[in-house]
Amino acid sequence: MFNNYHYFIALADEGNISKAARRLFISHQCLSRYLKNLEQEYKVAFFDRTPKLTLTPAGQVYLDTIRQMQLLEENLDSQLDDIRQAKRGSIVFGTTDGRYRILVPDLLAQFKQLYPGVVLEAQSNSDSKKLSERVLEGELDMVLLNKSDISSKQLVLQPVLDEQMYLIISDNMLKTYFPNRYPQCISEFSHGANLAQFQHVPFVMGRKHLVSRRSLEDYCQARQIQLNCVMELGQLDLHSMMTARDYAASFCWSMFVPAVQQLNREGQFSHLHIFPMKGEGITNQLVLVTRKGKIFPAYGRALIRLIKENCGGFADPILKAD
């Protein structure tokens, strides 16, 4: 009844018989015959044919069912791996671009030491929605995302880090934009920067679809603050690099603070100050996202533990040595 269900998944993903056949390494004729026989067996059309293959209501029900079968098959493999004490396998982890560059190098090395025979594939994407969709589709085993980016009830969220947002400004910019208060303002802002006092300062900010930008705009709107955004960058780890060159002040989440501190240690550019926000500030929760009902083998559970441990190391980053 559900033989070769991965054929149906490919057809739904590609929306084209020829493209799906190439993906499956089978002939167009073979795949067309598979679909024809399937629809004759159930006496219902699973796809509308024009202008391209699109799922009918019956096709969506069938796809949802075989996705569950795919998950059950993966869970069976995971449990049998544990029974056999398997040391071989593969697992796919994903996160956003900036966090990828921070986390993945150490994560790959640590995981290889524990499971040298298991392939850990790490992927990144700037679009959090696409990452969560790929978990639902079974293409990614787990992803690390902002909690506010997740909406599906078919996903399980495990909190790994509560972050706060920091203001980053170079020493040269403090001298330029606060000439009558420098250097005394450094001590003042270290206890909490009031953004209302920074409205004349140029800022580089994230693009408007990012959680960091949306959170910042909500914070400022509630306080009737209008910041001067002179550049938008999607790559959050580049913001502090622009600030180190005295281009504009910026903001960053807790996970990005060690990279700012590293720029200071290298001493190539202007010294960067890292100031918390005054009052409650802006917060963000990072979560590890998996598909509901998915069972991981031992190496998958070990990867989850490593991710949590590595993310936990970014808690209270400015309390650590600069």
Protein backbone atom coordinates (compact mmCIF):
# COMPACT_ATOMS: atom_id res chain seq x y z
CA MET A 1 0.00 0.00 0.00
CA PHE A 2 2.81 2.43 0.86
CA ASN A 3 5.56 0.87 -1.24
CA ASN A 4 8.14 3.37 -2.50
CA TYR A 5 6.55 6.18 -0.52
CA HIS A 6 9.68 8.27 -1.08
CA TYR A 7 8.54 8.50 -4.73
CA PHE A 8 5.45 10.40 -3.60
CA ILE A 9 7.49 12.70 -1.35
CA ALA A 10 9.77 13.57 -4.27
CA LEU A 11 6.77 14.34 -6.51
CA ALA A 12 5.27 16.61 -3.83
CA ASP A 13 8.59 18.39 -3.25
CA GLU A 14 9.49 18.93 -6.91
CA GLY A 15 6.04 19.53 -8.45
CA ASN A 16 7.32 17.99 -11.66
CA ILE A 17 7.62 14.34 -12.73
CA SER A 18 10.85 14.82 -14.71
CA LYS A 19 12.62 16.66 -11.84
CA ALA A 20 11.41 14.10 -9.29
CA ALA A 21 12.58 11.23 -11.52
CA ARG A 22 16.05 12.76 -11.81
CA ARG A 23 16.20 13.19 -8.04
CA LEU A 24 15.23 9.53 -7.56
CA PHE A 25 17.52 8.26 -10.36
CA ILE A 26 14.65 6.52 -12.12
CA SER A 27 12.98 7.07 -15.49
CA HIS A 28 10.14 9.51 -16.12
CA GLN A 29 8.08 6.58 -17.42
CA CYS A 30 8.62 4.54 -14.25
CA LEU A 31 7.58 7.41 -11.96
CA SER A 32 4.57 8.31 -14.11
CA ARG A 33 3.44 4.67 -14.00
CA TYR A 34 3.89 4.62 -10.20
CA LEU A 35 1.60 7.66 -9.79
CA LYS A 36 -0.99 6.32 -12.22
CA ASN A 37 -1.14 2.93 -10.43
CA LEU A 38 -1.34 4.64 -7.02
CA GLU A 39 -4.28 6.81 -8.02
CA GLN A 40 -6.04 3.83 -9.62
CA GLU A 41 -5.54 1.82 -6.42
CA TYR A 42 -7.15 4.51 -4.25
CA LYS A 43 -9.62 5.71 -6.93
CA VAL A 44 -8.76 9.36 -6.28
CA ALA A 45 -6.50 12.01 -7.81
CA PHE A 46 -3.55 12.93 -5.60
CA PHE A 47 -2.24 15.73 -7.86
CA ASP A 48 -3.65 18.38 -10.15
CA ARG A 49 -1.56 18.26 -13.34
CA THR A 50 -1.71 21.86 -14.58
CA PRO A 51 0.12 24.16 -14.68
CA LYS A 52 2.35 21.91 -12.55
CA LEU A 53 1.87 19.08 -10.10
CA THR A 54 0.08 20.40 -7.02
CA LEU A 55 -1.39 18.33 -4.22
CA THR A 56 -5.14 17.81 -4.08
CA PRO A 57 -6.78 17.56 -0.63
CA ALA A 58 -6.48 13.77 -0.95
CA GLY A 59 -2.82 14.15 -1.90
CA GLN A 60 -2.13 16.28 1.19
CA VAL A 61 -3.71 13.63 3.43
CA TYR A 62 -1.60 10.93 1.78
CA LEU A 63 1.58 13.03 2.12
CA ASP A 64 0.92 13.71 5.82
CA THR A 65 0.42 9.97 6.38
CA ILE A 66 3.61 8.87 4.67
CA ARG A 67 5.56 11.58 6.51
CA GLN A 68 4.48 9.83 9.70
CA MET A 69 5.61 6.52 8.21
CA GLN A 70 8.96 8.07 7.40
CA LEU A 71 9.31 9.19 11.02
CA LEU A 72 8.37 5.73 12.33
CA GLU A 73 10.96 4.15 10.06
CA GLU A 74 13.63 6.57 11.30
CA ASN A 75 12.66 5.86 14.92
CA LEU A 76 12.90 2.12 14.29
CA ASP A 77 16.38 2.54 12.84
CA SER A 78 17.42 4.65 15.84
CA GLN A 79 16.17 2.11 18.38
CA LEU A 80 17.76 -0.81 16.53
CA ASP A 81 21.03 1.14 16.40
CA ASP A 82 20.94 1.44 20.18
CA ILE A 83 20.20 -2.26 20.55
CA ARG A 84 23.15 -3.11 18.32
CA GLN A 85 25.26 -0.44 20.10
CA ALA A 86 26.00 0.95 16.68
CA LYS A 87 28.88 3.35 16.28
CA ARG A 88 28.05 4.29 12.69
CA GLY A 89 25.35 6.47 11.25
CA SER A 90 24.63 10.06 10.27
CA ILE A 91 22.81 13.05 11.69
CA VAL A 92 22.05 16.49 10.25
CA PHE A 93 22.08 19.66 12.35
CA GLY A 94 21.15 23.15 11.20
CA THR A 95 21.16 26.72 12.46
CA THR A 96 21.31 30.29 11.21
CA ASP A 97 24.41 31.58 9.42
CA GLY A 98 25.94 33.68 12.21
CA ARG A 99 25.46 31.08 14.92
CA TYR A 100 26.80 28.40 12.56
CA ARG A 101 30.19 30.11 12.42
CA ILE A 102 30.26 30.42 16.20
CA LEU A 103 29.15 26.92 17.20
CA VAL A 104 29.87 24.44 14.45
CA PRO A 105 33.71 24.26 14.37
CA ASP A 106 33.91 23.19 18.05
CA LEU A 107 30.80 21.04 17.78
CA LEU A 108 32.15 19.03 14.84
CA ALA A 109 35.47 18.39 16.60
CA GLN A 110 33.85 17.40 19.91
CA PHE A 111 31.34 15.08 18.25
CA LYS A 112 34.01 13.37 16.14
CA GLN A 113 35.96 12.51 19.29
CA LEU A 114 32.89 10.78 20.75
CA TYR A 115 31.61 9.11 17.57
CA PRO A 116 34.34 8.98 14.88
CA GLY A 117 32.23 6.62 12.76
CA VAL A 118 29.14 8.86 12.72
CA VAL A 119 28.84 11.59 10.09
CA LEU A 120 27.63 14.91 11.54
CA GLU A 121 26.49 17.18 8.74
CA ALA A 122 25.97 20.81 9.71
CA GLN A 123 23.96 23.18 7.51
CA SER A 124 23.02 26.84 7.77
CA ASN A 125 20.40 29.17 6.35
CA SER A 126 19.51 32.80 6.95
CA ASP A 127 15.80 31.91 6.93
CA SER A 128 14.66 30.38 10.24
CA LYS A 129 11.28 29.42 8.77
CA LYS A 130 12.93 27.28 6.10
CA LEU A 131 15.06 25.56 8.72
CA SER A 132 12.04 24.60 10.83
CA GLU A 133 10.18 23.41 7.72
CA ARG A 134 13.07 21.13 6.83
CA VAL A 135 12.82 19.54 10.29
CA LEU A 136 9.14 18.80 9.63
CA GLU A 137 10.05 17.37 6.22
CA GLY A 138 12.68 15.08 7.75
CA GLU A 139 15.61 16.75 5.95
CA LEU A 140 17.15 18.07 9.20
CA ASP A 141 17.24 16.12 12.46
CA MET A 142 17.51 19.18 14.71
CA VAL A 143 17.99 22.93 14.42
CA LEU A 144 19.02 25.71 16.79
CA LEU A 145 16.74 28.75 16.44
CA ASN A 146 15.15 31.66 18.26
CA LYS A 147 12.01 30.53 20.06
CA SER A 148 10.01 33.40 18.58
CA ASP A 149 10.65 32.00 15.08
CA ILE A 150 8.85 28.71 15.81
CA SER A 151 5.09 28.26 15.47
CA SER A 152 4.37 24.62 14.50
CA LYS A 153 2.85 22.35 17.14
CA GLN A 154 4.55 19.41 15.42
CA LEU A 155 7.92 20.58 16.74
CA VAL A 156 9.48 20.04 20.18
CA LEU A 157 11.44 22.95 21.68
CA GLN A 158 14.22 22.46 24.25
CA PRO A 159 15.55 25.72 25.79
CA VAL A 160 19.33 25.98 25.58
CA LEU A 161 20.21 29.66 26.23
CA ASP A 162 18.52 32.82 27.49
CA GLU A 163 20.27 35.72 25.79
CA GLN A 164 20.20 39.45 26.21
CA MET A 165 21.06 42.18 23.73
CA TYR A 166 24.13 44.39 24.18
CA LEU A 167 25.07 47.73 22.66
CA ILE A 168 28.50 47.75 20.99
CA ILE A 169 30.32 51.04 20.40
CA SER A 170 33.97 51.83 19.74
CA ASP A 171 36.05 54.01 22.02
CA ASN A 172 36.64 56.46 19.17
CA MET A 173 32.90 56.79 18.62
CA LEU A 174 32.32 57.48 22.31
CA LYS A 175 34.83 60.33 22.10
CA THR A 176 33.15 61.67 18.97
CA TYR A 177 29.50 61.45 20.00
CA PHE A 178 29.85 62.05 23.76
CA PRO A 179 32.74 64.59 23.85
CA ASN A 180 31.59 66.33 27.02
CA ARG A 181 31.00 63.10 28.95
CA TYR A 182 33.99 61.01 27.89
CA PRO A 183 35.54 59.04 29.59
CA GLN A 184 33.13 59.23 32.56
CA CYS A 185 30.29 57.93 30.36
CA ILE A 186 32.04 54.54 30.08
CA SER A 187 31.36 53.76 33.73
CA GLU A 188 27.81 55.09 33.45
CA PHE A 189 26.93 53.03 30.38
CA SER A 190 28.55 49.93 31.87
CA HIS A 191 25.68 49.86 34.35
CA GLY A 192 23.12 50.17 31.57
CA ALA A 193 22.95 52.23 28.39
CA ASN A 194 19.85 54.35 27.92
CA LEU A 195 19.15 54.18 24.16
CA ALA A 196 17.38 57.54 24.31
CA GLN A 197 20.85 59.05 24.75
CA PHE A 198 22.15 57.34 21.59
CA GLN A 199 19.63 58.69 19.06
CA HIS A 200 22.30 60.88 17.43
CA VAL A 201 24.70 57.94 17.00
CA PRO A 202 24.78 56.02 13.67
CA PHE A 203 23.97 52.30 13.92
CA VAL A 204 24.36 49.24 11.75
CA MET A 205 21.36 46.93 12.32
CA GLY A 206 20.03 43.57 11.21
CA ARG A 207 17.55 43.29 8.38
CA LYS A 208 13.92 43.83 9.30
CA HIS A 209 12.92 40.14 9.16
CA LEU A 210 15.45 39.17 11.85
CA VAL A 211 14.41 38.65 15.47
CA SER A 212 17.13 41.02 16.68
CA ARG A 213 15.79 43.88 14.53
CA ARG A 214 12.13 43.24 15.36
CA SER A 215 12.91 43.06 19.07
CA LEU A 216 14.92 46.28 18.93
CA GLU A 217 12.18 48.13 17.05
CA ASP A 218 9.52 46.99 19.54
CA TYR A 219 11.74 48.10 22.42
CA CYS A 220 12.35 51.53 20.88
CA GLN A 221 8.76 52.06 19.83
CA ALA A 222 7.52 51.40 23.36
CA ARG A 223 9.92 54.09 24.62
CA GLN A 224 9.47 56.54 21.71
CA ILE A 225 13.13 56.20 20.71
CA GLN A 226 14.22 56.75 17.09
CA LEU A 227 17.65 55.28 16.34
CA ASN A 228 19.72 56.33 13.33
CA CYS A 229 20.17 53.22 11.17
CA VAL A 230 22.77 53.89 8.47
CA MET A 231 23.21 50.32 7.26
CA GLU A 232 21.33 46.99 7.36
CA LEU A 233 23.27 43.72 7.35
CA GLY A 234 21.85 40.20 7.53
CA GLN A 235 25.11 38.72 8.82
CA LEU A 236 25.02 39.56 12.53
CA ASP A 237 28.67 38.67 13.10
CA LEU A 238 29.73 41.44 10.70
CA HIS A 239 28.09 44.17 12.75
CA SER A 240 30.81 44.35 15.40
CA MET A 241 33.47 44.31 12.66
CA MET A 242 31.94 47.47 11.23
CA THR A 243 31.83 48.99 14.71
CA ALA A 244 35.51 48.17 15.29
CA ARG A 245 36.26 50.25 12.20
CA ASP A 246 34.36 53.22 13.71
CA TYR A 247 31.70 52.99 10.98
CA ALA A 248 28.67 52.74 13.27
CA ALA A 249 27.60 51.40 16.64
CA SER A 250 25.75 48.07 16.69
CA PHE A 251 23.93 45.51 18.82
CA CYS A 252 24.54 41.83 19.49
CA TRP A 253 23.09 38.86 21.36
CA SER A 254 25.01 37.13 24.15
CA MET A 255 26.38 34.44 21.83
CA PHE A 256 28.19 37.05 19.73
CA VAL A 257 29.90 38.82 22.67
CA PRO A 258 33.00 36.52 22.75
CA ALA A 259 33.68 37.46 19.11
CA VAL A 260 33.60 41.14 20.13
CA GLN A 261 36.01 40.40 22.97
CA GLN A 262 38.30 38.59 20.52
CA LEU A 263 38.45 41.70 18.34
CA ASN A 264 39.61 43.63 21.39
CA ARG A 265 42.30 41.05 22.18
CA GLU A 266 43.61 41.21 18.62
CA GLY A 267 43.95 44.98 19.00
CA GLN A 268 43.94 45.70 15.28
CA PHE A 269 41.08 48.19 15.36
CA SER A 270 39.40 50.56 17.80
CA HIS A 271 38.61 49.14 21.24
CA LEU A 272 34.98 48.07 21.56
CA HIS A 273 32.80 48.70 24.62
CA ILE A 274 30.03 46.23 25.43
CA PHE A 275 27.16 47.84 27.30
CA PRO A 276 23.99 46.17 28.62
CA MET A 277 20.66 47.92 28.07
CA LYS A 278 19.26 50.03 30.87
CA GLY A 279 16.32 48.48 32.70
CA GLU A 280 14.83 45.18 31.56
CA GLY A 281 16.61 45.32 28.22
CA ILE A 282 15.92 43.00 25.28
CA THR A 283 15.98 39.24 25.71
CA ASN A 284 15.87 36.21 23.44
CA GLN A 285 15.55 32.46 24.05
CA LEU A 286 17.47 30.01 21.91
CA VAL A 287 15.86 26.59 21.55
CA LEU A 288 16.85 23.26 20.04
CA VAL A 289 14.08 22.18 17.69
CA THR A 290 13.24 18.57 16.81
CA ARG A 291 10.26 16.86 15.24
CA LYS A 292 7.57 15.72 17.64
CA GLY A 293 7.77 11.98 18.26
CA LYS A 294 11.28 11.56 16.85
CA ILE A 295 13.51 9.11 18.75
CA PHE A 296 17.27 9.64 18.56
CA PRO A 297 19.96 6.96 18.85
CA ALA A 298 22.69 7.35 21.47
CA TYR A 299 24.83 9.53 19.22
CA GLY A 300 21.86 11.84 18.56
CA ARG A 301 21.27 12.26 22.28
CA ALA A 302 24.98 12.95 22.72
CA LEU A 303 24.80 15.68 20.08
CA ILE A 304 21.88 17.32 21.91
CA ARG A 305 23.92 17.29 25.13
CA LEU A 306 26.93 18.86 23.37
CA ILE A 307 24.80 21.61 21.84
CA LYS A 308 23.30 22.47 25.23
CA GLU A 309 26.72 22.50 26.90
CA ASN A 310 28.27 24.69 24.21
CA CYS A 311 25.37 27.15 24.24
CA GLY A 312 25.43 27.26 28.04
CA GLY A 313 28.97 28.57 27.82
CA PHE A 314 27.64 31.84 26.39
CA ALA A 315 25.58 32.72 29.46
CA ASP A 316 26.66 36.00 31.15
CA PRO A 317 29.45 36.59 28.57
CA ILE A 318 30.49 40.06 29.79
CA LEU A 319 31.18 38.66 33.25
CA LYS A 320 34.06 36.71 31.70
CA ALA A 321 37.47 38.19 31.09
CA ASP A 322 37.60 40.65 28.21
